[in-house]
PDBML (XML) file of the C-alpha atoms, coordinates in Angstrom:
<?xml version="1.0" encoding="UTF-8" ?>
<PDBx:datablock datablockName="MODEL"
   xmlns:PDBx="http://pdbml.pdb.org/schema/pdbx-v50.xsd"
   xmlns:xsi="http://www.w3.org/2001/XMLSchema-instance"
   xsi:schemaLocation="http://pdbml.pdb.org/schema/pdbx-v50.xsd pdbx-v50.xsd">
   <PDBx:atom_siteCategory>
      <PDBx:atom_site id="1">
         <PDBx:B_iso_or_equiv>0.00</PDBx:B_iso_or_equiv>
         <PDBx:Cartn_x>4.988</PDBx:Cartn_x>
         <PDBx:Cartn_y>8.146</PDBx:Cartn_y>
         <PDBx:Cartn_z>-14.194</PDBx:Cartn_z>
         <PDBx:auth_asym_id>A</PDBx:auth_asym_id>
         <PDBx:auth_atom_id>CA</PDBx:auth_atom_id>
         <PDBx:auth_comp_id>ALA</PDBx:auth_comp_id>
         <PDBx:auth_seq_id>1</PDBx:auth_seq_id>
         <PDBx:group_PDB>ATOM</PDBx:group_PDB>
         <PDBx:label_alt_id xsi:nil="true" />
         <PDBx:label_asym_id>A</PDBx:label_asym_id>
         <PDBx:label_atom_id>CA</PDBx:label_atom_id>
         <PDBx:label_comp_id>ALA</PDBx:label_comp_id>
         <PDBx:label_entity_id>1</PDBx:label_entity_id>
         <PDBx:label_seq_id>1</PDBx:label_seq_id>
         <PDBx:occupancy>1.00</PDBx:occupancy>
         <PDBx:pdbx_PDB_model_num>1</PDBx:pdbx_PDB_model_num>
         <PDBx:type_symbol>C</PDBx:type_symbol>
      </PDBx:atom_site>
      <PDBx:atom_site id="2">
         <PDBx:B_iso_or_equiv>0.00</PDBx:B_iso_or_equiv>
         <PDBx:Cartn_x>4.509</PDBx:Cartn_x>
         <PDBx:Cartn_y>5.510</PDBx:Cartn_y>
         <PDBx:Cartn_z>-11.486</PDBx:Cartn_z>
         <PDBx:auth_asym_id>A</PDBx:auth_asym_id>
         <PDBx:auth_atom_id>CA</PDBx:auth_atom_id>
         <PDBx:auth_comp_id>CYS</PDBx:auth_comp_id>
         <PDBx:auth_seq_id>2</PDBx:auth_seq_id>
         <PDBx:group_PDB>ATOM</PDBx:group_PDB>
         <PDBx:label_alt_id xsi:nil="true" />
         <PDBx:label_asym_id>A</PDBx:label_asym_id>
         <PDBx:label_atom_id>CA</PDBx:label_atom_id>
         <PDBx:label_comp_id>CYS</PDBx:label_comp_id>
         <PDBx:label_entity_id>1</PDBx:label_entity_id>
         <PDBx:label_seq_id>2</PDBx:label_seq_id>
         <PDBx:occupancy>1.00</PDBx:occupancy>
         <PDBx:pdbx_PDB_model_num>1</PDBx:pdbx_PDB_model_num>
         <PDBx:type_symbol>C</PDBx:type_symbol>
      </PDBx:atom_site>
      <PDBx:atom_site id="3">
         <PDBx:B_iso_or_equiv>0.00</PDBx:B_iso_or_equiv>
         <PDBx:Cartn_x>5.830</PDBx:Cartn_x>
         <PDBx:Cartn_y>2.855</PDBx:Cartn_y>
         <PDBx:Cartn_z>-13.847</PDBx:Cartn_z>
         <PDBx:auth_asym_id>A</PDBx:auth_asym_id>
         <PDBx:auth_atom_id>CA</PDBx:auth_atom_id>
         <PDBx:auth_comp_id>GLY</PDBx:auth_comp_id>
         <PDBx:auth_seq_id>3</PDBx:auth_seq_id>
         <PDBx:group_PDB>ATOM</PDBx:group_PDB>
         <PDBx:label_alt_id xsi:nil="true" />
         <PDBx:label_asym_id>A</PDBx:label_asym_id>
         <PDBx:label_atom_id>CA</PDBx:label_atom_id>
         <PDBx:label_comp_id>GLY</PDBx:label_comp_id>
         <PDBx:label_entity_id>1</PDBx:label_entity_id>
         <PDBx:label_seq_id>3</PDBx:label_seq_id>
         <PDBx:occupancy>1.00</PDBx:occupancy>
         <PDBx:pdbx_PDB_model_num>1</PDBx:pdbx_PDB_model_num>
         <PDBx:type_symbol>C</PDBx:type_symbol>
      </PDBx:atom_site>
      <PDBx:atom_site id="4">
         <PDBx:B_iso_or_equiv>0.00</PDBx:B_iso_or_equiv>
         <PDBx:Cartn_x>2.476</PDBx:Cartn_x>
         <PDBx:Cartn_y>1.111</PDBx:Cartn_y>
         <PDBx:Cartn_z>-14.304</PDBx:Cartn_z>
         <PDBx:auth_asym_id>A</PDBx:auth_asym_id>
         <PDBx:auth_atom_id>CA</PDBx:auth_atom_id>
         <PDBx:auth_comp_id>ILE</PDBx:auth_comp_id>
         <PDBx:auth_seq_id>4</PDBx:auth_seq_id>
         <PDBx:group_PDB>ATOM</PDBx:group_PDB>
         <PDBx:label_alt_id xsi:nil="true" />
         <PDBx:label_asym_id>A</PDBx:label_asym_id>
         <PDBx:label_atom_id>CA</PDBx:label_atom_id>
         <PDBx:label_comp_id>ILE</PDBx:label_comp_id>
         <PDBx:label_entity_id>1</PDBx:label_entity_id>
         <PDBx:label_seq_id>4</PDBx:label_seq_id>
         <PDBx:occupancy>1.00</PDBx:occupancy>
         <PDBx:pdbx_PDB_model_num>1</PDBx:pdbx_PDB_model_num>
         <PDBx:type_symbol>C</PDBx:type_symbol>
      </PDBx:atom_site>
      <PDBx:atom_site id="5">
         <PDBx:B_iso_or_equiv>0.00</PDBx:B_iso_or_equiv>
         <PDBx:Cartn_x>1.092</PDBx:Cartn_x>
         <PDBx:Cartn_y>0.143</PDBx:Cartn_y>
         <PDBx:Cartn_z>-17.743</PDBx:Cartn_z>
         <PDBx:auth_asym_id>A</PDBx:auth_asym_id>
         <PDBx:auth_atom_id>CA</PDBx:auth_atom_id>
         <PDBx:auth_comp_id>PRO</PDBx:auth_comp_id>
         <PDBx:auth_seq_id>5</PDBx:auth_seq_id>
         <PDBx:group_PDB>ATOM</PDBx:group_PDB>
         <PDBx:label_alt_id xsi:nil="true" />
         <PDBx:label_asym_id>A</PDBx:label_asym_id>
         <PDBx:label_atom_id>CA</PDBx:label_atom_id>
         <PDBx:label_comp_id>PRO</PDBx:label_comp_id>
         <PDBx:label_entity_id>1</PDBx:label_entity_id>
         <PDBx:label_seq_id>5</PDBx:label_seq_id>
         <PDBx:occupancy>1.00</PDBx:occupancy>
         <PDBx:pdbx_PDB_model_num>1</PDBx:pdbx_PDB_model_num>
         <PDBx:type_symbol>C</PDBx:type_symbol>
      </PDBx:atom_site>
      <PDBx:atom_site id="6">
         <PDBx:B_iso_or_equiv>0.00</PDBx:B_iso_or_equiv>
         <PDBx:Cartn_x>-1.794</PDBx:Cartn_x>
         <PDBx:Cartn_y>2.489</PDBx:Cartn_y>
         <PDBx:Cartn_z>-18.524</PDBx:Cartn_z>
         <PDBx:auth_asym_id>A</PDBx:auth_asym_id>
         <PDBx:auth_atom_id>CA</PDBx:auth_atom_id>
         <PDBx:auth_comp_id>MET</PDBx:auth_comp_id>
         <PDBx:auth_seq_id>6</PDBx:auth_seq_id>
         <PDBx:group_PDB>ATOM</PDBx:group_PDB>
         <PDBx:label_alt_id xsi:nil="true" />
         <PDBx:label_asym_id>A</PDBx:label_asym_id>
         <PDBx:label_atom_id>CA</PDBx:label_atom_id>
         <PDBx:label_comp_id>MET</PDBx:label_comp_id>
         <PDBx:label_entity_id>1</PDBx:label_entity_id>
         <PDBx:label_seq_id>6</PDBx:label_seq_id>
         <PDBx:occupancy>1.00</PDBx:occupancy>
         <PDBx:pdbx_PDB_model_num>1</PDBx:pdbx_PDB_model_num>
         <PDBx:type_symbol>C</PDBx:type_symbol>
      </PDBx:atom_site>
      <PDBx:atom_site id="7">
         <PDBx:B_iso_or_equiv>0.00</PDBx:B_iso_or_equiv>
         <PDBx:Cartn_x>-4.006</PDBx:Cartn_x>
         <PDBx:Cartn_y>-0.421</PDBx:Cartn_y>
         <PDBx:Cartn_z>-19.567</PDBx:Cartn_z>
         <PDBx:auth_asym_id>A</PDBx:auth_asym_id>
         <PDBx:auth_atom_id>CA</PDBx:auth_atom_id>
         <PDBx:auth_comp_id>SER</PDBx:auth_comp_id>
         <PDBx:auth_seq_id>7</PDBx:auth_seq_id>
         <PDBx:group_PDB>ATOM</PDBx:group_PDB>
         <PDBx:label_alt_id xsi:nil="true" />
         <PDBx:label_asym_id>A</PDBx:label_asym_id>
         <PDBx:label_atom_id>CA</PDBx:label_atom_id>
         <PDBx:label_comp_id>SER</PDBx:label_comp_id>
         <PDBx:label_entity_id>1</PDBx:label_entity_id>
         <PDBx:label_seq_id>7</PDBx:label_seq_id>
         <PDBx:occupancy>1.00</PDBx:occupancy>
         <PDBx:pdbx_PDB_model_num>1</PDBx:pdbx_PDB_model_num>
         <PDBx:type_symbol>C</PDBx:type_symbol>
      </PDBx:atom_site>
      <PDBx:atom_site id="8">
         <PDBx:B_iso_or_equiv>0.00</PDBx:B_iso_or_equiv>
         <PDBx:Cartn_x>-3.823</PDBx:Cartn_x>
         <PDBx:Cartn_y>-1.851</PDBx:Cartn_y>
         <PDBx:Cartn_z>-16.062</PDBx:Cartn_z>
         <PDBx:auth_asym_id>A</PDBx:auth_asym_id>
         <PDBx:auth_atom_id>CA</PDBx:auth_atom_id>
         <PDBx:auth_comp_id>ARG</PDBx:auth_comp_id>
         <PDBx:auth_seq_id>8</PDBx:auth_seq_id>
         <PDBx:group_PDB>ATOM</PDBx:group_PDB>
         <PDBx:label_alt_id xsi:nil="true" />
         <PDBx:label_asym_id>A</PDBx:label_asym_id>
         <PDBx:label_atom_id>CA</PDBx:label_atom_id>
         <PDBx:label_comp_id>ARG</PDBx:label_comp_id>
         <PDBx:label_entity_id>1</PDBx:label_entity_id>
         <PDBx:label_seq_id>8</PDBx:label_seq_id>
         <PDBx:occupancy>1.00</PDBx:occupancy>
         <PDBx:pdbx_PDB_model_num>1</PDBx:pdbx_PDB_model_num>
         <PDBx:type_symbol>C</PDBx:type_symbol>
      </PDBx:atom_site>
      <PDBx:atom_site id="9">
         <PDBx:B_iso_or_equiv>0.00</PDBx:B_iso_or_equiv>
         <PDBx:Cartn_x>-5.579</PDBx:Cartn_x>
         <PDBx:Cartn_y>1.057</PDBx:Cartn_y>
         <PDBx:Cartn_z>-14.319</PDBx:Cartn_z>
         <PDBx:auth_asym_id>A</PDBx:auth_asym_id>
         <PDBx:auth_atom_id>CA</PDBx:auth_atom_id>
         <PDBx:auth_comp_id>ILE</PDBx:auth_comp_id>
         <PDBx:auth_seq_id>9</PDBx:auth_seq_id>
         <PDBx:group_PDB>ATOM</PDBx:group_PDB>
         <PDBx:label_alt_id xsi:nil="true" />
         <PDBx:label_asym_id>A</PDBx:label_asym_id>
         <PDBx:label_atom_id>CA</PDBx:label_atom_id>
         <PDBx:label_comp_id>ILE</PDBx:label_comp_id>
         <PDBx:label_entity_id>1</PDBx:label_entity_id>
         <PDBx:label_seq_id>9</PDBx:label_seq_id>
         <PDBx:occupancy>1.00</PDBx:occupancy>
         <PDBx:pdbx_PDB_model_num>1</PDBx:pdbx_PDB_model_num>
         <PDBx:type_symbol>C</PDBx:type_symbol>
      </PDBx:atom_site>
      <PDBx:atom_site id="10">
         <PDBx:B_iso_or_equiv>0.00</PDBx:B_iso_or_equiv>
         <PDBx:Cartn_x>-8.345</PDBx:Cartn_x>
         <PDBx:Cartn_y>2.766</PDBx:Cartn_y>
         <PDBx:Cartn_z>-16.265</PDBx:Cartn_z>
         <PDBx:auth_asym_id>A</PDBx:auth_asym_id>
         <PDBx:auth_atom_id>CA</PDBx:auth_atom_id>
         <PDBx:auth_comp_id>ARG</PDBx:auth_comp_id>
         <PDBx:auth_seq_id>10</PDBx:auth_seq_id>
         <PDBx:group_PDB>ATOM</PDBx:group_PDB>
         <PDBx:label_alt_id xsi:nil="true" />
         <PDBx:label_asym_id>A</PDBx:label_asym_id>
         <PDBx:label_atom_id>CA</PDBx:label_atom_id>
         <PDBx:label_comp_id>ARG</PDBx:label_comp_id>
         <PDBx:label_entity_id>1</PDBx:label_entity_id>
         <PDBx:label_seq_id>10</PDBx:label_seq_id>
         <PDBx:occupancy>1.00</PDBx:occupancy>
         <PDBx:pdbx_PDB_model_num>1</PDBx:pdbx_PDB_model_num>
         <PDBx:type_symbol>C</PDBx:type_symbol>
      </PDBx:atom_site>
      <PDBx:atom_site id="11">
         <PDBx:B_iso_or_equiv>0.00</PDBx:B_iso_or_equiv>
         <PDBx:Cartn_x>-9.716</PDBx:Cartn_x>
         <PDBx:Cartn_y>6.223</PDBx:Cartn_y>
         <PDBx:Cartn_z>-15.530</PDBx:Cartn_z>
         <PDBx:auth_asym_id>A</PDBx:auth_asym_id>
         <PDBx:auth_atom_id>CA</PDBx:auth_atom_id>
         <PDBx:auth_comp_id>PHE</PDBx:auth_comp_id>
         <PDBx:auth_seq_id>11</PDBx:auth_seq_id>
         <PDBx:group_PDB>ATOM</PDBx:group_PDB>
         <PDBx:label_alt_id xsi:nil="true" />
         <PDBx:label_asym_id>A</PDBx:label_asym_id>
         <PDBx:label_atom_id>CA</PDBx:label_atom_id>
         <PDBx:label_comp_id>PHE</PDBx:label_comp_id>
         <PDBx:label_entity_id>1</PDBx:label_entity_id>
         <PDBx:label_seq_id>11</PDBx:label_seq_id>
         <PDBx:occupancy>1.00</PDBx:occupancy>
         <PDBx:pdbx_PDB_model_num>1</PDBx:pdbx_PDB_model_num>
         <PDBx:type_symbol>C</PDBx:type_symbol>
      </PDBx:atom_site>
      <PDBx:atom_site id="12">
         <PDBx:B_iso_or_equiv>0.00</PDBx:B_iso_or_equiv>
         <PDBx:Cartn_x>-12.965</PDBx:Cartn_x>
         <PDBx:Cartn_y>6.152</PDBx:Cartn_y>
         <PDBx:Cartn_z>-13.571</PDBx:Cartn_z>
         <PDBx:auth_asym_id>A</PDBx:auth_asym_id>
         <PDBx:auth_atom_id>CA</PDBx:auth_atom_id>
         <PDBx:auth_comp_id>THR</PDBx:auth_comp_id>
         <PDBx:auth_seq_id>12</PDBx:auth_seq_id>
         <PDBx:group_PDB>ATOM</PDBx:group_PDB>
         <PDBx:label_alt_id xsi:nil="true" />
         <PDBx:label_asym_id>A</PDBx:label_asym_id>
         <PDBx:label_atom_id>CA</PDBx:label_atom_id>
         <PDBx:label_comp_id>THR</PDBx:label_comp_id>
         <PDBx:label_entity_id>1</PDBx:label_entity_id>
         <PDBx:label_seq_id>12</PDBx:label_seq_id>
         <PDBx:occupancy>1.00</PDBx:occupancy>
         <PDBx:pdbx_PDB_model_num>1</PDBx:pdbx_PDB_model_num>
         <PDBx:type_symbol>C</PDBx:type_symbol>
      </PDBx:atom_site>
      <PDBx:atom_site id="13">
         <PDBx:B_iso_or_equiv>0.00</PDBx:B_iso_or_equiv>
         <PDBx:Cartn_x>-14.437</PDBx:Cartn_x>
         <PDBx:Cartn_y>9.267</PDBx:Cartn_y>
         <PDBx:Cartn_z>-11.996</PDBx:Cartn_z>
         <PDBx:auth_asym_id>A</PDBx:auth_asym_id>
         <PDBx:auth_atom_id>CA</PDBx:auth_atom_id>
         <PDBx:auth_comp_id>HIS</PDBx:auth_comp_id>
         <PDBx:auth_seq_id>13</PDBx:auth_seq_id>
         <PDBx:group_PDB>ATOM</PDBx:group_PDB>
         <PDBx:label_alt_id xsi:nil="true" />
         <PDBx:label_asym_id>A</PDBx:label_asym_id>
         <PDBx:label_atom_id>CA</PDBx:label_atom_id>
         <PDBx:label_comp_id>HIS</PDBx:label_comp_id>
         <PDBx:label_entity_id>1</PDBx:label_entity_id>
         <PDBx:label_seq_id>13</PDBx:label_seq_id>
         <PDBx:occupancy>1.00</PDBx:occupancy>
         <PDBx:pdbx_PDB_model_num>1</PDBx:pdbx_PDB_model_num>
         <PDBx:type_symbol>C</PDBx:type_symbol>
      </PDBx:atom_site>
      <PDBx:atom_site id="14">
         <PDBx:B_iso_or_equiv>0.00</PDBx:B_iso_or_equiv>
         <PDBx:Cartn_x>-14.543</PDBx:Cartn_x>
         <PDBx:Cartn_y>8.973</PDBx:Cartn_y>
         <PDBx:Cartn_z>-8.217</PDBx:Cartn_z>
         <PDBx:auth_asym_id>A</PDBx:auth_asym_id>
         <PDBx:auth_atom_id>CA</PDBx:auth_atom_id>
         <PDBx:auth_comp_id>GLY</PDBx:auth_comp_id>
         <PDBx:auth_seq_id>14</PDBx:auth_seq_id>
         <PDBx:group_PDB>ATOM</PDBx:group_PDB>
         <PDBx:label_alt_id xsi:nil="true" />
         <PDBx:label_asym_id>A</PDBx:label_asym_id>
         <PDBx:label_atom_id>CA</PDBx:label_atom_id>
         <PDBx:label_comp_id>GLY</PDBx:label_comp_id>
         <PDBx:label_entity_id>1</PDBx:label_entity_id>
         <PDBx:label_seq_id>14</PDBx:label_seq_id>
         <PDBx:occupancy>1.00</PDBx:occupancy>
         <PDBx:pdbx_PDB_model_num>1</PDBx:pdbx_PDB_model_num>
         <PDBx:type_symbol>C</PDBx:type_symbol>
      </PDBx:atom_site>
      <PDBx:atom_site id="15">
         <PDBx:B_iso_or_equiv>0.00</PDBx:B_iso_or_equiv>
         <PDBx:Cartn_x>-12.497</PDBx:Cartn_x>
         <PDBx:Cartn_y>5.793</PDBx:Cartn_y>
         <PDBx:Cartn_z>-7.961</PDBx:Cartn_z>
         <PDBx:auth_asym_id>A</PDBx:auth_asym_id>
         <PDBx:auth_atom_id>CA</PDBx:auth_atom_id>
         <PDBx:auth_comp_id>GLN</PDBx:auth_comp_id>
         <PDBx:auth_seq_id>15</PDBx:auth_seq_id>
         <PDBx:group_PDB>ATOM</PDBx:group_PDB>
         <PDBx:label_alt_id xsi:nil="true" />
         <PDBx:label_asym_id>A</PDBx:label_asym_id>
         <PDBx:label_atom_id>CA</PDBx:label_atom_id>
         <PDBx:label_comp_id>GLN</PDBx:label_comp_id>
         <PDBx:label_entity_id>1</PDBx:label_entity_id>
         <PDBx:label_seq_id>15</PDBx:label_seq_id>
         <PDBx:occupancy>1.00</PDBx:occupancy>
         <PDBx:pdbx_PDB_model_num>1</PDBx:pdbx_PDB_model_num>
         <PDBx:type_symbol>C</PDBx:type_symbol>
      </PDBx:atom_site>
      <PDBx:atom_site id="16">
         <PDBx:B_iso_or_equiv>0.00</PDBx:B_iso_or_equiv>
         <PDBx:Cartn_x>-10.013</PDBx:Cartn_x>
         <PDBx:Cartn_y>5.516</PDBx:Cartn_y>
         <PDBx:Cartn_z>-5.105</PDBx:Cartn_z>
         <PDBx:auth_asym_id>A</PDBx:auth_asym_id>
         <PDBx:auth_atom_id>CA</PDBx:auth_atom_id>
         <PDBx:auth_comp_id>VAL</PDBx:auth_comp_id>
         <PDBx:auth_seq_id>16</PDBx:auth_seq_id>
         <PDBx:group_PDB>ATOM</PDBx:group_PDB>
         <PDBx:label_alt_id xsi:nil="true" />
         <PDBx:label_asym_id>A</PDBx:label_asym_id>
         <PDBx:label_atom_id>CA</PDBx:label_atom_id>
         <PDBx:label_comp_id>VAL</PDBx:label_comp_id>
         <PDBx:label_entity_id>1</PDBx:label_entity_id>
         <PDBx:label_seq_id>16</PDBx:label_seq_id>
         <PDBx:occupancy>1.00</PDBx:occupancy>
         <PDBx:pdbx_PDB_model_num>1</PDBx:pdbx_PDB_model_num>
         <PDBx:type_symbol>C</PDBx:type_symbol>
      </PDBx:atom_site>
      <PDBx:atom_site id="17">
         <PDBx:B_iso_or_equiv>0.00</PDBx:B_iso_or_equiv>
         <PDBx:Cartn_x>-7.327</PDBx:Cartn_x>
         <PDBx:Cartn_y>2.874</PDBx:Cartn_y>
         <PDBx:Cartn_z>-5.205</PDBx:Cartn_z>
         <PDBx:auth_asym_id>A</PDBx:auth_asym_id>
         <PDBx:auth_atom_id>CA</PDBx:auth_atom_id>
         <PDBx:auth_comp_id>GLN</PDBx:auth_comp_id>
         <PDBx:auth_seq_id>17</PDBx:auth_seq_id>
         <PDBx:group_PDB>ATOM</PDBx:group_PDB>
         <PDBx:label_alt_id xsi:nil="true" />
         <PDBx:label_asym_id>A</PDBx:label_asym_id>
         <PDBx:label_atom_id>CA</PDBx:label_atom_id>
         <PDBx:label_comp_id>GLN</PDBx:label_comp_id>
         <PDBx:label_entity_id>1</PDBx:label_entity_id>
         <PDBx:label_seq_id>17</PDBx:label_seq_id>
         <PDBx:occupancy>1.00</PDBx:occupancy>
         <PDBx:pdbx_PDB_model_num>1</PDBx:pdbx_PDB_model_num>
         <PDBx:type_symbol>C</PDBx:type_symbol>
      </PDBx:atom_site>
      <PDBx:atom_site id="18">
         <PDBx:B_iso_or_equiv>0.00</PDBx:B_iso_or_equiv>
         <PDBx:Cartn_x>-3.895</PDBx:Cartn_x>
         <PDBx:Cartn_y>2.244</PDBx:Cartn_y>
         <PDBx:Cartn_z>-3.748</PDBx:Cartn_z>
         <PDBx:auth_asym_id>A</PDBx:auth_asym_id>
         <PDBx:auth_atom_id>CA</PDBx:auth_atom_id>
         <PDBx:auth_comp_id>THR</PDBx:auth_comp_id>
         <PDBx:auth_seq_id>18</PDBx:auth_seq_id>
         <PDBx:group_PDB>ATOM</PDBx:group_PDB>
         <PDBx:label_alt_id xsi:nil="true" />
         <PDBx:label_asym_id>A</PDBx:label_asym_id>
         <PDBx:label_atom_id>CA</PDBx:label_atom_id>
         <PDBx:label_comp_id>THR</PDBx:label_comp_id>
         <PDBx:label_entity_id>1</PDBx:label_entity_id>
         <PDBx:label_seq_id>18</PDBx:label_seq_id>
         <PDBx:occupancy>1.00</PDBx:occupancy>
         <PDBx:pdbx_PDB_model_num>1</PDBx:pdbx_PDB_model_num>
         <PDBx:type_symbol>C</PDBx:type_symbol>
      </PDBx:atom_site>
      <PDBx:atom_site id="19">
         <PDBx:B_iso_or_equiv>0.00</PDBx:B_iso_or_equiv>
         <PDBx:Cartn_x>-1.055</PDBx:Cartn_x>
         <PDBx:Cartn_y>1.878</PDBx:Cartn_y>
         <PDBx:Cartn_z>-6.221</PDBx:Cartn_z>
         <PDBx:auth_asym_id>A</PDBx:auth_asym_id>
         <PDBx:auth_atom_id>CA</PDBx:auth_atom_id>
         <PDBx:auth_comp_id>LEU</PDBx:auth_comp_id>
         <PDBx:auth_seq_id>19</PDBx:auth_seq_id>
         <PDBx:group_PDB>ATOM</PDBx:group_PDB>
         <PDBx:label_alt_id xsi:nil="true" />
         <PDBx:label_asym_id>A</PDBx:label_asym_id>
         <PDBx:label_atom_id>CA</PDBx:label_atom_id>
         <PDBx:label_comp_id>LEU</PDBx:label_comp_id>
         <PDBx:label_entity_id>1</PDBx:label_entity_id>
         <PDBx:label_seq_id>19</PDBx:label_seq_id>
         <PDBx:occupancy>1.00</PDBx:occupancy>
         <PDBx:pdbx_PDB_model_num>1</PDBx:pdbx_PDB_model_num>
         <PDBx:type_symbol>C</PDBx:type_symbol>
      </PDBx:atom_site>
      <PDBx:atom_site id="20">
         <PDBx:B_iso_or_equiv>0.00</PDBx:B_iso_or_equiv>
         <PDBx:Cartn_x>1.777</PDBx:Cartn_x>
         <PDBx:Cartn_y>-0.634</PDBx:Cartn_y>
         <PDBx:Cartn_z>-5.740</PDBx:Cartn_z>
         <PDBx:auth_asym_id>A</PDBx:auth_asym_id>
         <PDBx:auth_atom_id>CA</PDBx:auth_atom_id>
         <PDBx:auth_comp_id>PRO</PDBx:auth_comp_id>
         <PDBx:auth_seq_id>20</PDBx:auth_seq_id>
         <PDBx:group_PDB>ATOM</PDBx:group_PDB>
         <PDBx:label_alt_id xsi:nil="true" />
         <PDBx:label_asym_id>A</PDBx:label_asym_id>
         <PDBx:label_atom_id>CA</PDBx:label_atom_id>
         <PDBx:label_comp_id>PRO</PDBx:label_comp_id>
         <PDBx:label_entity_id>1</PDBx:label_entity_id>
         <PDBx:label_seq_id>20</PDBx:label_seq_id>
         <PDBx:occupancy>1.00</PDBx:occupancy>
         <PDBx:pdbx_PDB_model_num>1</PDBx:pdbx_PDB_model_num>
         <PDBx:type_symbol>C</PDBx:type_symbol>
      </PDBx:atom_site>
      <PDBx:atom_site id="21">
         <PDBx:B_iso_or_equiv>0.00</PDBx:B_iso_or_equiv>
         <PDBx:Cartn_x>4.016</PDBx:Cartn_x>
         <PDBx:Cartn_y>2.189</PDBx:Cartn_y>
         <PDBx:Cartn_z>-4.491</PDBx:Cartn_z>
         <PDBx:auth_asym_id>A</PDBx:auth_asym_id>
         <PDBx:auth_atom_id>CA</PDBx:auth_atom_id>
         <PDBx:auth_comp_id>ASN</PDBx:auth_comp_id>
         <PDBx:auth_seq_id>21</PDBx:auth_seq_id>
         <PDBx:group_PDB>ATOM</PDBx:group_PDB>
         <PDBx:label_alt_id xsi:nil="true" />
         <PDBx:label_asym_id>A</PDBx:label_asym_id>
         <PDBx:label_atom_id>CA</PDBx:label_atom_id>
         <PDBx:label_comp_id>ASN</PDBx:label_comp_id>
         <PDBx:label_entity_id>1</PDBx:label_entity_id>
         <PDBx:label_seq_id>21</PDBx:label_seq_id>
         <PDBx:occupancy>1.00</PDBx:occupancy>
         <PDBx:pdbx_PDB_model_num>1</PDBx:pdbx_PDB_model_num>
         <PDBx:type_symbol>C</PDBx:type_symbol>
      </PDBx:atom_site>
      <PDBx:atom_site id="22">
         <PDBx:B_iso_or_equiv>0.00</PDBx:B_iso_or_equiv>
         <PDBx:Cartn_x>1.506</PDBx:Cartn_x>
         <PDBx:Cartn_y>2.945</PDBx:Cartn_y>
         <PDBx:Cartn_z>-1.712</PDBx:Cartn_z>
         <PDBx:auth_asym_id>A</PDBx:auth_asym_id>
         <PDBx:auth_atom_id>CA</PDBx:auth_atom_id>
         <PDBx:auth_comp_id>GLY</PDBx:auth_comp_id>
         <PDBx:auth_seq_id>22</PDBx:auth_seq_id>
         <PDBx:group_PDB>ATOM</PDBx:group_PDB>
         <PDBx:label_alt_id xsi:nil="true" />
         <PDBx:label_asym_id>A</PDBx:label_asym_id>
         <PDBx:label_atom_id>CA</PDBx:label_atom_id>
         <PDBx:label_comp_id>GLY</PDBx:label_comp_id>
         <PDBx:label_entity_id>1</PDBx:label_entity_id>
         <PDBx:label_seq_id>22</PDBx:label_seq_id>
         <PDBx:occupancy>1.00</PDBx:occupancy>
         <PDBx:pdbx_PDB_model_num>1</PDBx:pdbx_PDB_model_num>
         <PDBx:type_symbol>C</PDBx:type_symbol>
      </PDBx:atom_site>
      <PDBx:atom_site id="23">
         <PDBx:B_iso_or_equiv>0.00</PDBx:B_iso_or_equiv>
         <PDBx:Cartn_x>0.065</PDBx:Cartn_x>
         <PDBx:Cartn_y>6.142</PDBx:Cartn_y>
         <PDBx:Cartn_z>-3.173</PDBx:Cartn_z>
         <PDBx:auth_asym_id>A</PDBx:auth_asym_id>
         <PDBx:auth_atom_id>CA</PDBx:auth_atom_id>
         <PDBx:auth_comp_id>LEU</PDBx:auth_comp_id>
         <PDBx:auth_seq_id>23</PDBx:auth_seq_id>
         <PDBx:group_PDB>ATOM</PDBx:group_PDB>
         <PDBx:label_alt_id xsi:nil="true" />
         <PDBx:label_asym_id>A</PDBx:label_asym_id>
         <PDBx:label_atom_id>CA</PDBx:label_atom_id>
         <PDBx:label_comp_id>LEU</PDBx:label_comp_id>
         <PDBx:label_entity_id>1</PDBx:label_entity_id>
         <PDBx:label_seq_id>23</PDBx:label_seq_id>
         <PDBx:occupancy>1.00</PDBx:occupancy>
         <PDBx:pdbx_PDB_model_num>1</PDBx:pdbx_PDB_model_num>
         <PDBx:type_symbol>C</PDBx:type_symbol>
      </PDBx:atom_site>
      <PDBx:atom_site id="24">
         <PDBx:B_iso_or_equiv>0.00</PDBx:B_iso_or_equiv>
         <PDBx:Cartn_x>-3.695</PDBx:Cartn_x>
         <PDBx:Cartn_y>6.618</PDBx:Cartn_y>
         <PDBx:Cartn_z>-3.133</PDBx:Cartn_z>
         <PDBx:auth_asym_id>A</PDBx:auth_asym_id>
         <PDBx:auth_atom_id>CA</PDBx:auth_atom_id>
         <PDBx:auth_comp_id>VAL</PDBx:auth_comp_id>
         <PDBx:auth_seq_id>24</PDBx:auth_seq_id>
         <PDBx:group_PDB>ATOM</PDBx:group_PDB>
         <PDBx:label_alt_id xsi:nil="true" />
         <PDBx:label_asym_id>A</PDBx:label_asym_id>
         <PDBx:label_atom_id>CA</PDBx:label_atom_id>
         <PDBx:label_comp_id>VAL</PDBx:label_comp_id>
         <PDBx:label_entity_id>1</PDBx:label_entity_id>
         <PDBx:label_seq_id>24</PDBx:label_seq_id>
         <PDBx:occupancy>1.00</PDBx:occupancy>
         <PDBx:pdbx_PDB_model_num>1</PDBx:pdbx_PDB_model_num>
         <PDBx:type_symbol>C</PDBx:type_symbol>
      </PDBx:atom_site>
      <PDBx:atom_site id="25">
         <PDBx:B_iso_or_equiv>0.00</PDBx:B_iso_or_equiv>
         <PDBx:Cartn_x>-4.918</PDBx:Cartn_x>
         <PDBx:Cartn_y>7.484</PDBx:Cartn_y>
         <PDBx:Cartn_z>-6.636</PDBx:Cartn_z>
         <PDBx:auth_asym_id>A</PDBx:auth_asym_id>
         <PDBx:auth_atom_id>CA</PDBx:auth_atom_id>
         <PDBx:auth_comp_id>LEU</PDBx:auth_comp_id>
         <PDBx:auth_seq_id>25</PDBx:auth_seq_id>
         <PDBx:group_PDB>ATOM</PDBx:group_PDB>
         <PDBx:label_alt_id xsi:nil="true" />
         <PDBx:label_asym_id>A</PDBx:label_asym_id>
         <PDBx:label_atom_id>CA</PDBx:label_atom_id>
         <PDBx:label_comp_id>LEU</PDBx:label_comp_id>
         <PDBx:label_entity_id>1</PDBx:label_entity_id>
         <PDBx:label_seq_id>25</PDBx:label_seq_id>
         <PDBx:occupancy>1.00</PDBx:occupancy>
         <PDBx:pdbx_PDB_model_num>1</PDBx:pdbx_PDB_model_num>
         <PDBx:type_symbol>C</PDBx:type_symbol>
      </PDBx:atom_site>
   </PDBx:atom_siteCategory>
</PDBx:datablock>
């Protein structure tokens, strides 16, 4: 939904990262 290929950001429990649009995921 953020327009990012799913393969680029894998699910990892507890991870915190900032997406290119500035949202913290």
